[in-house]
């Protein structure tokens, strides 16, 4: 995978547009309206029961895709920003450093 591509969530306004999205992005020489994405874009996580799908896009492609009227959102996935899922312990301080404890 080219390092300039990152995983993005692509969300359509209507679930009925998912097949259009798959066809436009995953087919060579087709480009969604208002974009110059003519390559076959690799799907990172197809979510057929959801209005979103994850694709490997460049920052420029993501920006262009945001201009399409059928697209509601194009957002980089949190892990690409170094954000990891996990539990946070709200009571992580010891009793001696917690001013509310006596």
Foldseek 3Di string as FASTA:
>chain_A
DDPQWAKKKWFFPDLVCPVVVQPQQQDAQHHAPQAPRRHRWDWPADDSVHRITITTDGPRRLVSVVPHNGIDDIGGDVVVVVDDDDDDDPPPDDLVPDPVHD
